Amino acid sequence: MNLCVIGAGALGGSFAARLSKAGAEVTLVDAWAEHVAAINKDGLEAAGVPRPLHVRLPAFLPADARGSFDAALIATDANSTGEAAQTARRLLRPDGIALTLQNGIGNIETLCAALGAERVIGGSTTCSFRREGPGRVEQTHLDVTSIGELDGRITPRVEALGALFKKAGYETVVSEDIMTVVWGKFVTNVAVNALCAVTGLRLGEAARLEATATFQERILDEAFAVVRARNIPVPEAKLRAGIKERTWRKFSEPSMLQHVNAGRRTEIDALNGALVREAAALGIATPFNEALTMLLKGRELAQQRRLHEGEPDWAALEKAAADEPRT
């Protein structure tokens, strides 16, 4: 299979390395110029479980990528799905397909709008990853990856993708109801990511503090109100228990906390922010998720300024604010 991975960060780079070892012909496309340069110079180092790999793969900035690919793995963050969809449209052959393993909701719809629903395969993974630096990614936890046709059919193309992922060492499920799987992962991310990103707590720390554990329950109450209103058959009791068990046992940093700590933009608008929008359309109040979304945007801005802009001249800002009309 001739495959391009659009978004060669922690998730995309880890999958790319292992899929190439499984026999796929893989090309990387990523917007981070230093990362692309490092991969082309020294190869891609994919550390972590089940074993570290070092692979030589061609890597390009989106504007420089050329080809006619059988499939595209979309692995950008949700903020870049629109650009990734247009890149896939340009690089895929006319009957080429796009598989998304991204976080959040709305990505599948964006890809369908650009490519047509018949060319999009949904997916979700509960594996965990970390970006270590230019040319270096790490797969920190192996778990289940699910893929499926949007209409629930088990087709030769989705079975071929599933076989490739299994050969690459991933426990892979070809699902007949991938949207329910995607929503289950969405609810999990809504429950843990922003809460840790705002507080700075790791999973196990947040689970053991009564205030944050209670806040997480309220987040989930609102999320499942939306799930029930949309008639999505996510198993509530099982998922709640799984989230509670995982957060208690693990002391890892969720991806959104990693993004905040690094001064990068988060996926809050595709997670808790998306839940707030879905709920509003249904007439459901989500005060806890709304507050968390607002607070995270402030935390994100503060960290970006601290890391990338340095300490402001507060006195000068106050002087300017004295005469500035208040909005």
C-alpha atoms as a PDB file:
ATOM      1  CA  MET A   1       0.000   0.000   0.000  1.00  0.00           C
ATOM      2  CA  ASN A   2       1.249   3.445  -0.996  1.00  0.00           C
ATOM      3  CA  LEU A   3       0.420   5.562   2.049  1.00  0.00           C
ATOM      4  CA  CYS A   4       0.932   9.192   3.016  1.00  0.00           C
ATOM      5  CA  VAL A   5       0.756  10.170   6.669  1.00  0.00           C
ATOM      6  CA  ILE A   6      -0.466  13.753   6.975  1.00  0.00           C
ATOM      7  CA  GLY A   7       0.627  14.960  10.378  1.00  0.00           C
ATOM      8  CA  ALA A   8       3.817  13.141  11.359  1.00  0.00           C
ATOM      9  CA  GLY A   9       3.791  14.139  15.016  1.00  0.00           C
ATOM     10  CA  ALA A  10       3.571  11.819  17.997  1.00  0.00           C
ATOM     11  CA  LEU A  11       0.677   9.702  16.719  1.00  0.00           C
ATOM     12  CA  GLY A  12       1.325   9.968  12.995  1.00  0.00           C
ATOM     13  CA  GLY A  13       5.067   9.412  13.276  1.00  0.00           C
ATOM     14  CA  SER A  14       4.658   6.379  15.523  1.00  0.00           C
ATOM     15  CA  PHE A  15       2.121   4.749  13.219  1.00  0.00           C
ATOM     16  CA  ALA A  16       4.193   5.651  10.146  1.00  0.00           C
ATOM     17  CA  ALA A  17       7.322   3.950  11.467  1.00  0.00           C
ATOM     18  CA  ARG A  18       5.528   0.729  12.321  1.00  0.00           C
ATOM     19  CA  LEU A  19       3.385   0.652   9.177  1.00  0.00           C
ATOM     20  CA  SER A  20       6.516   1.048   7.056  1.00  0.00           C
ATOM     21  CA  LYS A  21       8.114  -1.909   8.844  1.00  0.00           C
ATOM     22  CA  ALA A  22       4.946  -3.880   8.060  1.00  0.00           C
ATOM     23  CA  GLY A  23       5.487  -3.345   4.340  1.00  0.00           C
ATOM     24  CA  ALA A  24       3.638  -0.138   3.510  1.00  0.00           C
ATOM     25  CA  GLU A  25       5.364   2.427   1.311  1.00  0.00           C
ATOM     26  CA  VAL A  26       5.077   5.475   3.580  1.00  0.00           C
ATOM     27  CA  THR A  27       5.608   9.174   2.883  1.00  0.00           C
ATOM     28  CA  LEU A  28       5.385  11.761   5.662  1.00  0.00           C
ATOM     29  CA  VAL A  29       3.768  15.184   5.325  1.00  0.00           C
ATOM     30  CA  ASP A  30       4.090  17.648   8.191  1.00  0.00           C
ATOM     31  CA  ALA A  31       3.940  21.424   8.680  1.00  0.00           C
ATOM     32  CA  TRP A  32       6.789  21.572  11.235  1.00  0.00           C
ATOM     33  CA  ALA A  33       9.830  22.457   9.126  1.00  0.00           C
ATOM     34  CA  GLU A  34      12.436  21.421  11.737  1.00  0.00           C
ATOM     35  CA  HIS A  35      10.783  18.019  12.106  1.00  0.00           C
ATOM     36  CA  VAL A  36      10.722  17.456   8.341  1.00  0.00           C
ATOM     37  CA  ALA A  37      14.370  18.514   8.005  1.00  0.00           C
ATOM     38  CA  ALA A  38      15.474  16.231  10.856  1.00  0.00           C
ATOM     39  CA  ILE A  39      13.661  13.221   9.383  1.00  0.00           C
ATOM     40  CA  ASN A  40      15.189  13.769   5.948  1.00  0.00           C
ATOM     41  CA  LYS A  41      18.658  14.220   7.457  1.00  0.00           C
ATOM     42  CA  ASP A  42      18.774  11.522  10.138  1.00  0.00           C
ATOM     43  CA  GLY A  43      15.613   9.439   9.758  1.00  0.00           C
ATOM     44  CA  LEU A  44      12.660   9.105  12.122  1.00  0.00           C
ATOM     45  CA  GLU A  45      13.323   7.777  15.601  1.00  0.00           C
ATOM     46  CA  ALA A  46      10.181   6.089  16.950  1.00  0.00           C
ATOM     47  CA  ALA A  47      10.907   5.161  20.554  1.00  0.00           C
ATOM     48  CA  GLY A  48       8.732   3.336  23.060  1.00  0.00           C
ATOM     49  CA  VAL A  49       6.619   0.201  23.085  1.00  0.00           C
ATOM     50  CA  PRO A  50       6.703  -2.517  21.921  1.00  0.00           C
ATOM     51  CA  ARG A  51      10.227  -1.716  20.730  1.00  0.00           C
ATOM     52  CA  PRO A  52      12.094   1.335  19.412  1.00  0.00           C
ATOM     53  CA  LEU A  53      12.461   1.762  15.666  1.00  0.00           C
ATOM     54  CA  HIS A  54      14.596   3.920  13.414  1.00  0.00           C
ATOM     55  CA  VAL A  55      13.281   4.306   9.875  1.00  0.00           C
ATOM     56  CA  ARG A  56      14.234   6.242   6.771  1.00  0.00           C
ATOM     57  CA  LEU A  57      11.132   7.790   5.224  1.00  0.00           C
ATOM     58  CA  PRO A  58      10.715  10.701   2.809  1.00  0.00           C
ATOM     59  CA  ALA A  59       9.223  13.743   4.527  1.00  0.00           C
ATOM     60  CA  PHE A  60       7.778  16.921   3.021  1.00  0.00           C
ATOM     61  CA  LEU A  61       6.144  20.159   4.005  1.00  0.00           C
ATOM     62  CA  PRO A  62       2.520  20.157   2.756  1.00  0.00           C
ATOM     63  CA  ALA A  63       3.213  22.596  -0.092  1.00  0.00           C
ATOM     64  CA  ASP A  64       6.122  20.469  -1.335  1.00  0.00           C
ATOM     65  CA  ALA A  65       4.443  17.052  -1.200  1.00  0.00           C
ATOM     66  CA  ARG A  66       3.701  15.321  -4.480  1.00  0.00           C
ATOM     67  CA  GLY A  67       2.340  11.928  -5.393  1.00  0.00           C
ATOM     68  CA  SER A  68      -0.678   9.770  -6.096  1.00  0.00           C
ATOM     69  CA  PHE A  69      -1.370   7.723  -2.987  1.00  0.00           C
ATOM     70  CA  ASP A  70      -3.671   4.799  -2.287  1.00  0.00           C
ATOM     71  CA  ALA A  71      -4.486   6.064   1.190  1.00  0.00           C
ATOM     72  CA  ALA A  72      -3.853   8.939   3.571  1.00  0.00           C
ATOM     73  CA  LEU A  73      -3.651   8.584   7.333  1.00  0.00           C
ATOM     74  CA  ILE A  74      -4.859  11.900   8.770  1.00  0.00           C
ATOM     75  CA  ALA A  75      -3.034  12.459  12.057  1.00  0.00           C
ATOM     76  CA  THR A  76      -2.870  16.233  12.473  1.00  0.00           C
ATOM     77  CA  ASP A  77      -4.462  17.844  15.482  1.00  0.00           C
ATOM     78  CA  ALA A  78      -8.076  18.883  15.020  1.00  0.00           C
ATOM     79  CA  ASN A  79      -7.169  22.532  14.437  1.00  0.00           C
ATOM     80  CA  SER A  80      -5.502  21.560  11.151  1.00  0.00           C
ATOM     81  CA  THR A  81      -8.074  19.145   9.739  1.00  0.00           C
ATOM     82  CA  GLY A  82      -9.246  21.563   7.053  1.00  0.00           C
ATOM     83  CA  GLU A  83      -5.726  22.011   5.689  1.00  0.00           C
ATOM     84  CA  ALA A  84      -5.047  18.273   5.985  1.00  0.00           C
ATOM     85  CA  ALA A  85      -8.213  17.497   4.036  1.00  0.00           C
ATOM     86  CA  GLN A  86      -7.117  19.740   1.166  1.00  0.00           C
ATOM     87  CA  THR A  87      -3.648  18.175   1.183  1.00  0.00           C
ATOM     88  CA  ALA A  88      -5.216  14.713   1.038  1.00  0.00           C
ATOM     89  CA  ARG A  89      -7.479  15.788  -1.796  1.00  0.00           C
ATOM     90  CA  ARG A  90      -4.437  16.866  -3.795  1.00  0.00           C
ATOM     91  CA  LEU A  91      -2.254  13.842  -3.010  1.00  0.00           C
ATOM     92  CA  LEU A  92      -4.724  10.961  -3.192  1.00  0.00           C
ATOM     93  CA  ARG A  93      -5.471   9.179  -6.430  1.00  0.00           C
ATOM     94  CA  PRO A  94      -9.121   9.584  -7.590  1.00  0.00           C
ATOM     95  CA  ASP A  95     -10.280   6.501  -5.671  1.00  0.00           C
ATOM     96  CA  GLY A  96      -7.826   6.938  -2.795  1.00  0.00           C
ATOM     97  CA  ILE A  97      -9.142   6.861   0.759  1.00  0.00           C
ATOM     98  CA  ALA A  98      -8.501   8.867   3.917  1.00  0.00           C
ATOM     99  CA  LEU A  99      -8.457   7.336   7.396  1.00  0.00           C
ATOM    100  CA  THR A 100      -8.600   9.628  10.422  1.00  0.00           C
ATOM    101  CA  LEU A 101      -7.373   8.666  13.890  1.00  0.00           C
ATOM    102  CA  GLN A 102      -7.718  12.190  15.278  1.00  0.00           C
ATOM    103  CA  ASN A 103      -9.155  13.315  18.589  1.00  0.00           C
ATOM    104  CA  GLY A 104     -12.449  15.132  18.861  1.00  0.00           C
ATOM    105  CA  ILE A 105     -15.561  15.347  16.731  1.00  0.00           C
ATOM    106  CA  GLY A 106     -16.012  17.164  13.440  1.00  0.00           C
ATOM    107  CA  ASN A 107     -12.917  15.758  11.730  1.00  0.00           C
ATOM    108  CA  ILE A 108     -14.825  13.099   9.818  1.00  0.00           C
ATOM    109  CA  GLU A 109     -17.363  15.659   8.626  1.00  0.00           C
ATOM    110  CA  THR A 110     -14.580  17.982   7.431  1.00  0.00           C
ATOM    111  CA  LEU A 111     -12.932  15.171   5.471  1.00  0.00           C
ATOM    112  CA  CYS A 112     -16.260  14.111   3.961  1.00  0.00           C
ATOM    113  CA  ALA A 113     -16.896  17.668   2.773  1.00  0.00           C
ATOM    114  CA  ALA A 114     -13.510  17.771   1.026  1.00  0.00           C
ATOM    115  CA  LEU A 115     -13.282  14.225  -0.330  1.00  0.00           C
ATOM    116  CA  GLY A 116     -16.791  12.787  -0.344  1.00  0.00           C
ATOM    117  CA  ALA A 117     -18.096  10.448   2.347  1.00  0.00           C
ATOM    118  CA  GLU A 118     -17.413   7.400   0.190  1.00  0.00           C
ATOM    119  CA  ARG A 119     -13.648   8.068   0.446  1.00  0.00           C
ATOM    120  CA  VAL A 120     -13.462   8.491   4.230  1.00  0.00           C
ATOM    121  CA  ILE A 121     -12.858   5.813   6.850  1.00  0.00           C
ATOM    122  CA  GLY A 122     -13.364   6.631  10.504  1.00  0.00           C
ATOM    123  CA  GLY A 123     -10.998   5.566  13.224  1.00  0.00           C
ATOM    124  CA  SER A 124      -9.967   5.903  16.828  1.00  0.00           C
ATOM    125  CA  THR A 125      -7.037   4.708  18.911  1.00  0.00           C
ATOM    126  CA  THR A 126      -6.482   4.410  22.640  1.00  0.00           C
ATOM    127  CA  CYS A 127      -2.726   4.046  22.208  1.00  0.00           C
ATOM    128  CA  SER A 128      -0.714   6.897  23.733  1.00  0.00           C
ATOM    129  CA  PHE A 129       2.108   8.926  22.214  1.00  0.00           C
ATOM    130  CA  ARG A 130       4.532  11.741  22.946  1.00  0.00           C
ATOM    131  CA  ARG A 131       6.473  14.108  20.680  1.00  0.00           C
ATOM    132  CA  GLU A 132      10.097  14.185  21.848  1.00  0.00           C
ATOM    133  CA  GLY A 133      11.595  16.714  19.429  1.00  0.00           C
ATOM    134  CA  PRO A 134      12.483  17.160  15.749  1.00  0.00           C
ATOM    135  CA  GLY A 135      12.712  13.705  14.180  1.00  0.00           C
ATOM    136  CA  ARG A 136      11.790  11.930  17.436  1.00  0.00           C
ATOM    137  CA  VAL A 137       8.467  10.502  18.652  1.00  0.00           C
ATOM    138  CA  GLU A 138       7.536   7.983  21.319  1.00  0.00           C
ATOM    139  CA  GLN A 139       4.710   5.469  21.633  1.00  0.00           C
ATOM    140  CA  THR A 140       4.137   5.259  25.384  1.00  0.00           C
ATOM    141  CA  HIS A 141       1.208   2.838  25.628  1.00  0.00           C
ATOM    142  CA  LEU A 142      -0.219   0.154  23.344  1.00  0.00           C
ATOM    143  CA  ASP A 143      -3.974  -0.399  23.277  1.00  0.00           C
ATOM    144  CA  VAL A 144      -6.762  -0.853  20.745  1.00  0.00           C
ATOM    145  CA  THR A 145      -7.117   0.865  17.364  1.00  0.00           C
ATOM    146  CA  SER A 146     -10.548   0.758  15.722  1.00  0.00           C
ATOM    147  CA  ILE A 147     -11.355   1.575  12.102  1.00  0.00           C
ATOM    148  CA  GLY A 148     -14.542   1.322  10.106  1.00  0.00           C
ATOM    149  CA  GLU A 149     -16.601   2.390   7.137  1.00  0.00           C
ATOM    150  CA  LEU A 150     -18.996   5.208   7.965  1.00  0.00           C
ATOM    151  CA  ASP A 151     -21.977   3.144   6.769  1.00  0.00           C
ATOM    152  CA  GLY A 152     -20.972   0.118   8.848  1.00  0.00           C
ATOM    153  CA  ARG A 153     -20.109  -2.210   5.965  1.00  0.00           C
ATOM    154  CA  ILE A 154     -17.123  -4.537   6.222  1.00  0.00           C
ATOM    155  CA  THR A 155     -15.430  -3.871   2.886  1.00  0.00           C
ATOM    156  CA  PRO A 156     -12.249  -5.251   1.299  1.00  0.00           C
ATOM    157  CA  ARG A 157     -10.518  -1.885   1.669  1.00  0.00           C
ATOM    158  CA  VAL A 158     -11.183  -1.561   5.399  1.00  0.00           C
ATOM    159  CA  GLU A 159     -10.199  -5.190   5.926  1.00  0.00           C
ATOM    160  CA  ALA A 160      -6.937  -4.537   4.036  1.00  0.00           C
ATOM    161  CA  LEU A 161      -6.200  -1.549   6.274  1.00  0.00           C
ATOM    162  CA  GLY A 162      -7.022  -3.604   9.347  1.00  0.00           C
ATOM    163  CA  ALA A 163      -4.675  -6.377   8.234  1.00  0.00           C
ATOM    164  CA  LEU A 164      -1.869  -3.854   7.664  1.00  0.00           C
ATOM    165  CA  PHE A 165      -2.328  -2.328  11.123  1.00  0.00           C
ATOM    166  CA  LYS A 166      -2.329  -5.780  12.722  1.00  0.00           C
ATOM    167  CA  LYS A 167       0.849  -6.684  10.850  1.00  0.00           C
ATOM    168  CA  ALA A 168       2.382  -3.479  12.224  1.00  0.00           C
ATOM    169  CA  GLY A 169       1.723  -4.740  15.751  1.00  0.00           C
ATOM    170  CA  TYR A 170      -1.481  -2.882  16.596  1.00  0.00           C
ATOM    171  CA  GLU A 171      -4.454  -4.623  18.155  1.00  0.00           C
ATOM    172  CA  THR A 172      -6.985  -3.591  15.525  1.00  0.00           C
ATOM    173  CA  VAL A 173     -10.760  -3.881  15.404  1.00  0.00           C
ATOM    174  CA  VAL A 174     -12.715  -3.398  12.181  1.00  0.00           C
ATOM    175  CA  SER A 175     -15.909  -1.882  13.560  1.00  0.00           C
ATOM    176  CA  GLU A 176     -19.444  -1.970  12.192  1.00  0.00           C
ATOM    177  CA  ASP A 177     -20.300   1.166  14.210  1.00  0.00           C
ATOM    178  CA  ILE A 178     -17.230   3.388  14.115  1.00  0.00           C
ATOM    179  CA  MET A 179     -19.103   6.577  15.030  1.00  0.00           C
ATOM    180  CA  THR A 180     -20.051   5.114  18.409  1.00  0.00           C
ATOM    181  CA  VAL A 181     -16.381   4.244  18.952  1.00  0.00           C
ATOM    182  CA  VAL A 182     -15.352   7.783  17.980  1.00  0.00           C
ATOM    183  CA  TRP A 183     -17.883   9.270  20.385  1.00  0.00           C
ATOM    184  CA  GLY A 184     -16.709   6.975  23.179  1.00  0.00           C
ATOM    185  CA  LYS A 185     -13.141   8.218  22.707  1.00  0.00           C
ATOM    186  CA  PHE A 186     -14.476  11.779  22.498  1.00  0.00           C
ATOM    187  CA  VAL A 187     -16.230  11.469  25.869  1.00  0.00           C
ATOM    188  CA  THR A 188     -13.065  10.002  27.412  1.00  0.00           C
ATOM    189  CA  ASN A 189     -10.976  12.911  26.138  1.00  0.00           C
ATOM    190  CA  VAL A 190     -13.570  15.438  27.288  1.00  0.00           C
ATOM    191  CA  ALA A 191     -13.393  13.921  30.776  1.00  0.00           C
ATOM    192  CA  VAL A 192      -9.618  13.974  31.250  1.00  0.00           C
ATOM    193  CA  ASN A 193      -7.750  16.266  28.875  1.00  0.00           C
ATOM    194  CA  ALA A 194      -8.871  19.799  29.688  1.00  0.00           C
ATOM    195  CA  LEU A 195      -9.185  19.111  33.418  1.00  0.00           C
ATOM    196  CA  CYS A 196      -5.523  18.099  33.597  1.00  0.00           C
ATOM    197  CA  ALA A 197      -4.447  20.869  31.220  1.00  0.00           C
ATOM    198  CA  VAL A 198      -6.073  23.593  33.334  1.00  0.00           C
ATOM    199  CA  THR A 199      -4.886  22.281  36.700  1.00  0.00           C
ATOM    200  CA  GLY A 200      -1.477  20.960  35.633  1.00  0.00           C
ATOM    201  CA  LEU A 201      -2.265  17.651  37.352  1.00  0.00           C
ATOM    202  CA  ARG A 202      -1.443  14.249  35.902  1.00  0.00           C
ATOM    203  CA  LEU A 203      -4.188  11.618  35.645  1.00  0.00           C
ATOM    204  CA  GLY A 204      -3.623   9.887  38.986  1.00  0.00           C
ATOM    205  CA  GLU A 205      -3.238  13.195  40.797  1.00  0.00           C
ATOM    206  CA  ALA A 206      -6.566  14.492  39.466  1.00  0.00           C
ATOM    207  CA  ALA A 207      -8.289  11.220  40.391  1.00  0.00           C
ATOM    208  CA  ARG A 208      -7.095  11.425  44.003  1.00  0.00           C
ATOM    209  CA  LEU A 209      -8.106  15.034  44.658  1.00  0.00           C
ATOM    210  CA  GLU A 210     -11.770  15.207  45.671  1.00  0.00           C
ATOM    211  CA  ALA A 211     -12.353  18.561  43.972  1.00  0.00           C
ATOM    212  CA  THR A 212     -11.075  17.482  40.537  1.00  0.00           C
ATOM    213  CA  ALA A 213     -12.612  14.001  40.780  1.00  0.00           C
ATOM    214  CA  THR A 214     -16.004  15.598  41.490  1.00  0.00           C
ATOM    215  CA  PHE A 215     -15.507  18.119  38.679  1.00  0.00           C
ATOM    216  CA  GLN A 216     -14.801  15.219  36.316  1.00  0.00           C
ATOM    217  CA  GLU A 217     -18.096  13.569  37.284  1.00  0.00           C
ATOM    218  CA  ARG A 218     -19.959  16.779  36.434  1.00  0.00           C
ATOM    219  CA  ILE A 219     -18.138  16.952  33.069  1.00  0.00           C
ATOM    220  CA  LEU A 220     -19.278  13.408  32.335  1.00  0.00           C
ATOM    221  CA  ASP A 221     -22.867  14.103  33.429  1.00  0.00           C
ATOM    222  CA  GLU A 222     -23.053  16.826  30.777  1.00  0.00           C
ATOM    223  CA  ALA A 223     -21.306  14.727  28.123  1.00  0.00           C
ATOM    224  CA  PHE A 224     -23.658  11.782  28.552  1.00  0.00           C
ATOM    225  CA  ALA A 225     -26.687  14.085  28.468  1.00  0.00           C
ATOM    226  CA  VAL A 226     -25.594  15.018  24.937  1.00  0.00           C
ATOM    227  CA  VAL A 227     -24.840  11.391  24.009  1.00  0.00           C
ATOM    228  CA  ARG A 228     -28.314  10.297  25.153  1.00  0.00           C
ATOM    229  CA  ALA A 229     -30.014  13.178  23.344  1.00  0.00           C
ATOM    230  CA  ARG A 230     -28.259  12.187  20.127  1.00  0.00           C
ATOM    231  CA  ASN A 231     -29.167   8.497  20.597  1.00  0.00           C
ATOM    232  CA  ILE A 232     -25.551   7.387  20.337  1.00  0.00           C
ATOM    233  CA  PRO A 233     -25.234   3.920  21.940  1.00  0.00           C
ATOM    234  CA  VAL A 234     -22.117   4.636  24.009  1.00  0.00           C
ATOM    235  CA  PRO A 235     -22.215   2.293  27.053  1.00  0.00           C
ATOM    236  CA  GLU A 236     -22.350   4.869  29.856  1.00  0.00           C
ATOM    237  CA  ALA A 237     -21.746   2.697  32.925  1.00  0.00           C
ATOM    238  CA  LYS A 238     -18.891   0.794  31.291  1.00  0.00           C
ATOM    239  CA  LEU A 239     -17.209   3.945  29.977  1.00  0.00           C
ATOM    240  CA  ARG A 240     -17.533   5.795  33.290  1.00  0.00           C
ATOM    241  CA  ALA A 241     -15.966   2.848  35.101  1.00  0.00           C
ATOM    242  CA  GLY A 242     -13.176   2.621  32.525  1.00  0.00           C
ATOM    243  CA  ILE A 243     -12.354   6.329  32.802  1.00  0.00           C
ATOM    244  CA  LYS A 244     -12.297   6.125  36.599  1.00  0.00           C
ATOM    245  CA  GLU A 245     -10.038   3.057  36.533  1.00  0.00           C
ATOM    246  CA  ARG A 246      -7.624   4.547  33.992  1.00  0.00           C
ATOM    247  CA  THR A 247      -7.295   7.887  35.730  1.00  0.00           C
ATOM    248  CA  TRP A 248      -6.691   6.171  39.069  1.00  0.00           C
ATOM    249  CA  ARG A 249      -4.026   3.777  37.756  1.00  0.00           C
ATOM    250  CA  LYS A 250      -2.128   6.044  35.362  1.00  0.00           C
ATOM    251  CA  PHE A 251       0.070   9.017  36.190  1.00  0.00           C
ATOM    252  CA  SER A 252       0.747  10.067  32.597  1.00  0.00           C
ATOM    253  CA  GLU A 253       0.296  13.545  31.131  1.00  0.00           C
ATOM    254  CA  PRO A 254      -2.703  13.713  28.774  1.00  0.00           C
ATOM    255  CA  SER A 255      -1.906  15.155  25.356  1.00  0.00           C
ATOM    256  CA  MET A 256      -3.595  18.487  26.100  1.00  0.00           C
ATOM    257  CA  LEU A 257      -1.434  18.998  29.185  1.00  0.00           C
ATOM    258  CA  GLN A 258       1.622  18.227  27.030  1.00  0.00           C
ATOM    259  CA  HIS A 259       0.469  20.853  24.522  1.00  0.00           C
ATOM    260  CA  VAL A 260      -0.079  23.505  27.195  1.00  0.00           C
ATOM    261  CA  ASN A 261       3.281  22.820  28.835  1.00  0.00           C
ATOM    262  CA  ALA A 262       4.993  23.172  25.450  1.00  0.00           C
ATOM    263  CA  GLY A 263       3.147  26.402  24.626  1.00  0.00           C
ATOM    264  CA  ARG A 264       1.278  24.821  21.721  1.00  0.00           C
ATOM    265  CA  ARG A 265      -2.324  25.353  20.713  1.00  0.00           C
ATOM    266  CA  THR A 266      -4.673  22.747  22.170  1.00  0.00           C
ATOM    267  CA  GLU A 267      -7.618  20.847  20.690  1.00  0.00           C
ATOM    268  CA  ILE A 268     -10.091  22.289  23.200  1.00  0.00           C
ATOM    269  CA  ASP A 269     -12.454  23.500  20.451  1.00  0.00           C
ATOM    270  CA  ALA A 270     -12.790  19.929  19.112  1.00  0.00           C
ATOM    271  CA  LEU A 271     -13.278  18.460  22.601  1.00  0.00           C
ATOM    272  CA  ASN A 272     -15.022  20.284  25.468  1.00  0.00           C
ATOM    273  CA  GLY A 273     -15.738  23.264  23.217  1.00  0.00           C
ATOM    274  CA  ALA A 274     -17.369  20.964  20.668  1.00  0.00           C
ATOM    275  CA  LEU A 275     -19.466  19.379  23.409  1.00  0.00           C
ATOM    276  CA  VAL A 276     -20.682  22.835  24.468  1.00  0.00           C
ATOM    277  CA  ARG A 277     -21.703  23.615  20.873  1.00  0.00           C
ATOM    278  CA  GLU A 278     -23.456  20.258  20.421  1.00  0.00           C
ATOM    279  CA  ALA A 279     -25.295  20.754  23.709  1.00  0.00           C
ATOM    280  CA  ALA A 280     -26.386  24.286  22.836  1.00  0.00           C
ATOM    281  CA  ALA A 281     -27.923  23.024  19.594  1.00  0.00           C
ATOM    282  CA  LEU A 282     -29.894  20.488  21.653  1.00  0.00           C
ATOM    283  CA  GLY A 283     -30.920  22.958  24.354  1.00  0.00           C
ATOM    284  CA  ILE A 284     -28.774  21.254  27.008  1.00  0.00           C
ATOM    285  CA  ALA A 285     -26.888  23.301  29.595  1.00  0.00           C
ATOM    286  CA  THR A 286     -23.192  22.437  30.058  1.00  0.00           C
ATOM    287  CA  PRO A 287     -21.858  24.905  32.661  1.00  0.00           C
ATOM    288  CA  PHE A 288     -18.920  22.753  33.751  1.00  0.00           C
ATOM    289  CA  ASN A 289     -17.662  22.123  30.223  1.00  0.00           C
ATOM    290  CA  GLU A 290     -18.270  25.741  29.265  1.00  0.00           C
ATOM    291  CA  ALA A 291     -16.256  26.976  32.254  1.00  0.00           C
ATOM    292  CA  LEU A 292     -13.477  24.491  31.557  1.00  0.00           C
ATOM    293  CA  THR A 293     -13.266  25.583  27.914  1.00  0.00           C
ATOM    294  CA  MET A 294     -13.013  29.252  28.870  1.00  0.00           C
ATOM    295  CA  LEU A 295     -10.407  28.611  31.560  1.00  0.00           C
ATOM    296  CA  LEU A 296      -8.294  26.461  29.246  1.00  0.00           C
ATOM    297  CA  LYS A 297      -8.187  29.213  26.623  1.00  0.00           C
ATOM    298  CA  GLY A 298      -6.808  31.574  29.251  1.00  0.00           C
ATOM    299  CA  ARG A 299      -4.270  29.030  30.479  1.00  0.00           C
ATOM    300  CA  GLU A 300      -3.197  28.316  26.894  1.00  0.00           C
ATOM    301  CA  LEU A 301      -2.639  32.004  26.141  1.00  0.00           C
ATOM    302  CA  ALA A 302      -0.717  32.597  29.377  1.00  0.00           C
ATOM    303  CA  GLN A 303       1.648  29.692  28.736  1.00  0.00           C
ATOM    304  CA  GLN A 304       2.220  30.644  25.101  1.00  0.00           C
ATOM    305  CA  ARG A 305       3.114  34.191  26.105  1.00  0.00           C
ATOM    306  CA  ARG A 306       5.373  33.025  28.929  1.00  0.00           C
ATOM    307  CA  LEU A 307       7.306  30.626  26.712  1.00  0.00           C
ATOM    308  CA  HIS A 308       7.374  32.506  23.415  1.00  0.00           C
ATOM    309  CA  GLU A 309       7.083  36.213  24.207  1.00  0.00           C
ATOM    310  CA  GLY A 310       8.689  36.667  27.617  1.00  0.00           C
ATOM    311  CA  GLU A 311       7.468  38.831  30.494  1.00  0.00           C
ATOM    312  CA  PRO A 312       5.362  41.799  29.320  1.00  0.00           C
ATOM    313  CA  ASP A 313       6.032  45.358  30.454  1.00  0.00           C
ATOM    314  CA  TRP A 314       3.117  45.474  32.885  1.00  0.00           C
ATOM    315  CA  ALA A 315       3.587  49.148  33.743  1.00  0.00           C
ATOM    316  CA  ALA A 316       3.439  50.115  30.071  1.00  0.00           C
ATOM    317  CA  LEU A 317       0.317  48.001  29.590  1.00  0.00           C
ATOM    318  CA  GLU A 318      -1.378  49.677  32.557  1.00  0.00           C
ATOM    319  CA  LYS A 319      -0.483  53.107  31.220  1.00  0.00           C
ATOM    320  CA  ALA A 320      -1.951  52.267  27.816  1.00  0.00           C
ATOM    321  CA  ALA A 321      -5.039  50.713  29.404  1.00  0.00           C
ATOM    322  CA  ALA A 322      -5.800  53.907  31.334  1.00  0.00           C
ATOM    323  CA  ASP A 323      -6.878  55.656  28.126  1.00  0.00           C
ATOM    324  CA  GLU A 324      -8.148  52.620  26.242  1.00  0.00           C
ATOM    325  CA  PRO A 325     -11.928  52.329  25.713  1.00  0.00           C
ATOM    326  CA  ARG A 326     -13.283  49.289  27.520  1.00  0.00           C
ATOM    327  CA  THR A 327     -14.967  46.726  25.279  1.00  0.00           C
END
